[in-house]
Structure formats: structure tokens, C-alpha cells
Protein backbone atom coordinates (compact mmCIF):
# COMPACT_ATOMS: atom_id res chain seq x y z
CA MET A 1 50.03 147.74 231.36
CA SER A 2 47.61 150.06 232.97
CA PRO A 3 46.25 149.37 236.44
CA ARG A 4 42.70 148.79 235.15
CA GLN A 5 43.56 146.12 232.60
CA PRO A 6 44.04 143.18 235.02
CA HIS A 7 40.66 143.94 236.62
CA LEU A 8 39.02 144.24 233.22
CA HIS A 9 40.57 140.96 232.10
CA ALA A 10 39.37 139.16 235.20
CA LEU A 11 35.89 140.64 234.87
CA CYS A 12 35.62 139.45 231.25
CA CYS A 13 36.71 135.93 232.20
CA LEU A 14 34.15 135.83 235.03
CA GLY A 15 31.34 137.00 232.70
CA LEU A 16 32.26 134.42 230.10
CA ALA A 17 32.26 131.62 232.67
CA ALA A 18 28.79 132.69 233.91
CA LEU A 19 27.48 132.76 230.36
CA MET A 20 28.82 129.26 229.68
CA ALA A 21 27.24 127.92 232.84
CA GLY A 22 23.88 129.41 231.87
CA CYS A 23 23.98 127.82 228.42
CA SER A 24 24.77 124.42 229.83
CA ALA A 25 21.63 124.45 231.98
CA ASP A 26 19.48 125.34 228.95
CA HIS A 27 20.88 122.40 227.01
CA ASP A 28 20.03 119.96 229.78
CA GLU A 29 16.44 121.14 229.79
CA LEU A 30 16.31 120.89 225.98
CA ARG A 31 17.74 117.35 226.03
CA GLN A 32 15.11 116.25 228.58
CA TRP A 33 12.30 117.70 226.46
CA MET A 34 13.63 115.94 223.33
CA GLU A 35 13.78 112.57 225.12
CA GLN A 36 10.22 113.04 226.40
CA GLN A 37 8.96 113.81 222.89
CA ARG A 38 10.70 110.73 221.48
CA ARG A 39 8.96 108.51 224.03
CA GLU A 40 5.51 110.00 223.46
CA VAL A 41 5.45 110.09 219.64
CA LYS A 42 4.91 106.75 217.92
CA PRO A 43 5.81 106.66 214.21
CA ASN A 44 3.10 105.58 211.77
CA ILE A 45 4.77 103.37 209.15
CA THR A 46 2.65 101.64 206.54
CA PRO A 47 3.89 98.19 205.64
CA LEU A 48 5.27 97.62 202.13
CA GLN A 49 3.20 95.61 199.70
CA ALA A 50 4.60 92.43 198.30
CA PRO A 51 5.89 92.81 194.70
CA LYS A 52 3.61 91.61 191.92
CA LYS A 53 4.57 88.42 190.17
CA PHE A 54 6.07 88.97 186.71
CA ASP A 55 4.95 86.53 184.04
CA PRO A 56 7.29 86.70 181.02
CA GLN A 57 5.63 86.41 177.62
CA PRO A 58 7.35 84.77 174.65
CA TYR A 59 8.20 87.05 171.70
CA GLN A 60 6.05 85.81 168.81
CA SER A 61 7.43 88.02 166.01
CA ALA A 62 11.05 86.86 166.09
CA GLN A 63 10.76 85.28 162.64
CA ALA A 64 8.95 88.29 161.08
CA ILE A 65 10.73 90.95 159.00
CA ASP A 66 12.33 93.71 161.07
CA PRO A 67 10.31 96.92 160.46
CA PHE A 68 13.57 98.89 160.22
CA SER A 69 15.40 96.53 157.86
CA LEU A 70 16.85 97.67 154.55
CA GLN A 71 14.95 94.88 152.82
CA LYS A 72 11.58 96.28 153.87
CA LEU A 73 12.62 99.83 152.96
CA THR A 74 13.75 98.87 149.46
CA VAL A 75 10.50 96.98 148.86
CA ALA A 76 8.49 100.05 149.90
CA LEU A 77 10.56 102.37 147.70
CA LYS A 78 10.18 100.09 144.68
CA GLN A 79 6.43 99.93 145.21
CA GLU A 80 6.21 103.73 145.41
CA ALA A 81 8.33 104.07 142.27
CA ARG A 82 5.91 101.81 140.38
CA GLN A 83 2.93 103.93 141.47
CA PRO A 84 4.15 107.54 141.22
CA ASN A 85 1.87 110.22 142.52
CA SER A 86 0.92 112.52 139.66
CA LEU A 87 1.14 115.60 141.91
CA LEU A 88 4.68 114.88 143.01
CA SER A 89 6.06 113.45 139.76
CA ALA A 90 5.33 116.68 137.88
CA GLU A 91 7.16 118.68 140.58
CA LEU A 92 10.20 116.40 140.64
CA ASN A 93 10.72 116.64 136.85
CA ARG A 94 10.98 120.45 136.67
CA ARG A 95 13.90 122.77 137.47
CA LYS A 96 13.79 124.32 140.96
CA GLU A 97 13.46 128.09 141.27
CA PRO A 98 15.68 130.13 143.64
CA LEU A 99 12.94 130.97 146.17
CA GLU A 100 12.24 127.27 146.74
CA ALA A 101 15.38 127.12 148.88
CA TYR A 102 13.71 129.18 151.64
CA PRO A 103 10.83 128.24 153.96
CA LEU A 104 7.65 130.31 153.66
CA ASP A 105 7.95 131.67 157.19
CA SER A 106 11.25 133.36 156.27
CA MET A 107 9.53 135.36 153.50
CA GLY A 108 7.54 138.51 153.87
CA MET A 109 5.30 140.26 151.35
CA VAL A 110 6.18 143.95 151.34
CA GLY A 111 4.08 145.20 148.42
CA SER A 112 2.40 144.56 145.10
CA VAL A 113 2.48 146.26 141.70
CA ASN A 114 0.72 145.90 138.35
CA LYS A 115 2.84 145.83 135.20
CA GLN A 116 0.91 145.87 131.93
CA GLY A 117 -2.17 144.53 133.68
CA GLN A 118 -0.36 141.61 135.32
CA PRO A 119 -0.01 141.60 139.15
CA PHE A 120 3.43 141.19 140.70
CA ALA A 121 4.29 140.87 144.38
CA LEU A 122 7.41 142.07 146.16
CA LEU A 123 8.90 139.61 148.64
CA ARG A 124 11.63 140.24 151.19
CA VAL A 125 13.89 137.22 151.79
CA ASP A 126 17.20 137.55 153.65
CA SER A 127 17.20 141.37 153.28
CA LEU A 128 16.77 141.09 149.48
CA LEU A 129 13.70 142.01 147.45
CA TYR A 130 12.28 139.59 144.87
CA GLN A 131 9.55 140.20 142.30
CA VAL A 132 7.22 137.23 141.75
CA LYS A 133 4.18 136.59 139.55
CA VAL A 134 1.39 134.02 139.31
CA GLY A 135 2.87 130.62 138.41
CA ASP A 136 6.20 131.15 140.21
CA TYR A 137 7.30 128.70 142.90
CA LEU A 138 7.99 129.57 146.56
CA GLY A 139 8.93 127.68 149.70
CA GLN A 140 10.19 124.20 150.39
CA ASN A 141 6.86 122.39 149.88
CA TYR A 142 6.54 122.85 146.11
CA GLY A 143 4.45 126.00 146.62
CA ARG A 144 3.10 127.58 143.41
CA ILE A 145 1.55 131.05 143.37
CA THR A 146 -2.10 130.89 142.29
CA ARG A 147 -3.22 134.47 142.99
CA ILE A 148 -1.67 137.81 143.92
CA GLY A 149 -3.81 140.40 145.66
CA GLU A 150 -2.99 143.79 147.14
CA THR A 151 -2.57 142.36 150.65
CA GLU A 152 -1.75 138.67 150.17
CA ILE A 153 -0.28 135.98 147.96
CA ALA A 154 -2.25 132.73 147.64
CA LEU A 155 -0.42 129.56 146.76
CA ARG A 156 -0.87 125.82 146.80
CA GLU A 157 1.66 123.49 148.36
CA ILE A 158 2.14 119.75 147.98
CA VAL A 159 2.72 118.02 151.32
CA GLN A 160 2.42 114.54 152.79
CA ASP A 161 -0.54 113.82 155.02
CA ALA A 162 -0.46 111.51 158.06
CA ALA A 163 -0.94 108.44 155.85
CA GLY A 164 2.03 109.37 153.65
CA GLU A 165 -0.08 110.43 150.67
CA TRP A 166 0.86 113.60 148.75
CA ILE A 167 -1.94 116.17 148.85
CA GLU A 168 -2.45 119.82 147.87
CA ARG A 169 -2.76 122.38 150.67
CA PRO A 170 -3.57 126.08 150.31
CA ALA A 171 -1.24 128.64 151.92
CA THR A 172 -1.01 132.43 152.00
CA LEU A 173 1.59 135.12 152.58
CA GLN A 174 0.14 138.28 154.13
CA LEU A 175 1.35 141.83 153.49
CA GLN A 176 3.64 142.84 156.35
CA GLU A 177 3.28 146.44 157.41
CA ARG A 178 6.23 148.04 159.14
CA ALA A 179 5.75 149.85 162.47
CA ARG A 180 6.57 153.54 162.05
């Protein structure tokens, strides 16, 4: 041990003791201030309202037919079978074409050509090219091509409206130009 180490050790201990004594005085002052603040501040608590009285109501439709029962569903299906919609019945009786397996938003028109005066459109579906003409079917909503232009394909679809009725709706596929 060197001769300066005991003095250095004692000096460090003395400094640490002085620091601890100084911190203790600050805590006393802080505790007094906190107690004073607690006495002066009065909390503002609003009283809780009494709960409202619940009046149970009897269920009146217990004897009615469950809206989700199989009985009600079979009655509705039989009624629809007796009154077939002419739009839908014609579509259900024909053979489906391959492009009816894809939704319209997965198809893209990439060009059009005329062969012997009849317009044809080129469609890209799943990285494959298809050639379609007026009268062909596209999409999952019984879409039938009604017109082929240079920049778009017009078709009519058969969809259900909010009331459940089958209606015709026009749709188009626009020519998609690639960024170069």
C-alpha cells in the first residue's frame, strides 16, 4: 500500500458522509412541502348517479317461426323455384366458359384486333392471353360481352340488388397501358 492511499480512502469516506447528510436535509424539506400541499388541496369528487331502473319486457315472438330456421329457408327456396327469374334461368341452363372462373378485377385488356371485320379483344388473366369476341362470357357475375372497342370492352352482368332481385348491370374493362 502506498502512503497516500489511507488518506485518500479516508477523504472519500468523509466526502460521501457529507453528501449523504446534505441529501437527508433536502428530503425533509420536500416532505414538509408535500404535507403542506396535501392539506391545502381539496379534491373535487362528483357524486355518482343512482342507476336507472331496468324494466324487463316480455318476449312476444317466442311462438313465431325462427328467421334462421331450415323450415323458413326451404319455403323461400321453393317459392323462388316456382317463380324463376328469366334473366337468371337462362344463365343457369348454359355451359360455363373458362373466363367465368375469374373475377373481372383480375382481368386486364391489353389490346384489340379485327379479324375479317369482327372485333376481338386480348385479355390478360393469370399471365395468360385470351382472345374474346362479342357474345363471350367473362367474370363471376354472368358477364356477357356486348361491345368491343379499341380501348374498352363493354359487358352486361346479372347481379342481385338490395331486395334480392336479379338485375342487369353494365360493366367495362379498360385498356391497360404499360409504363415504359
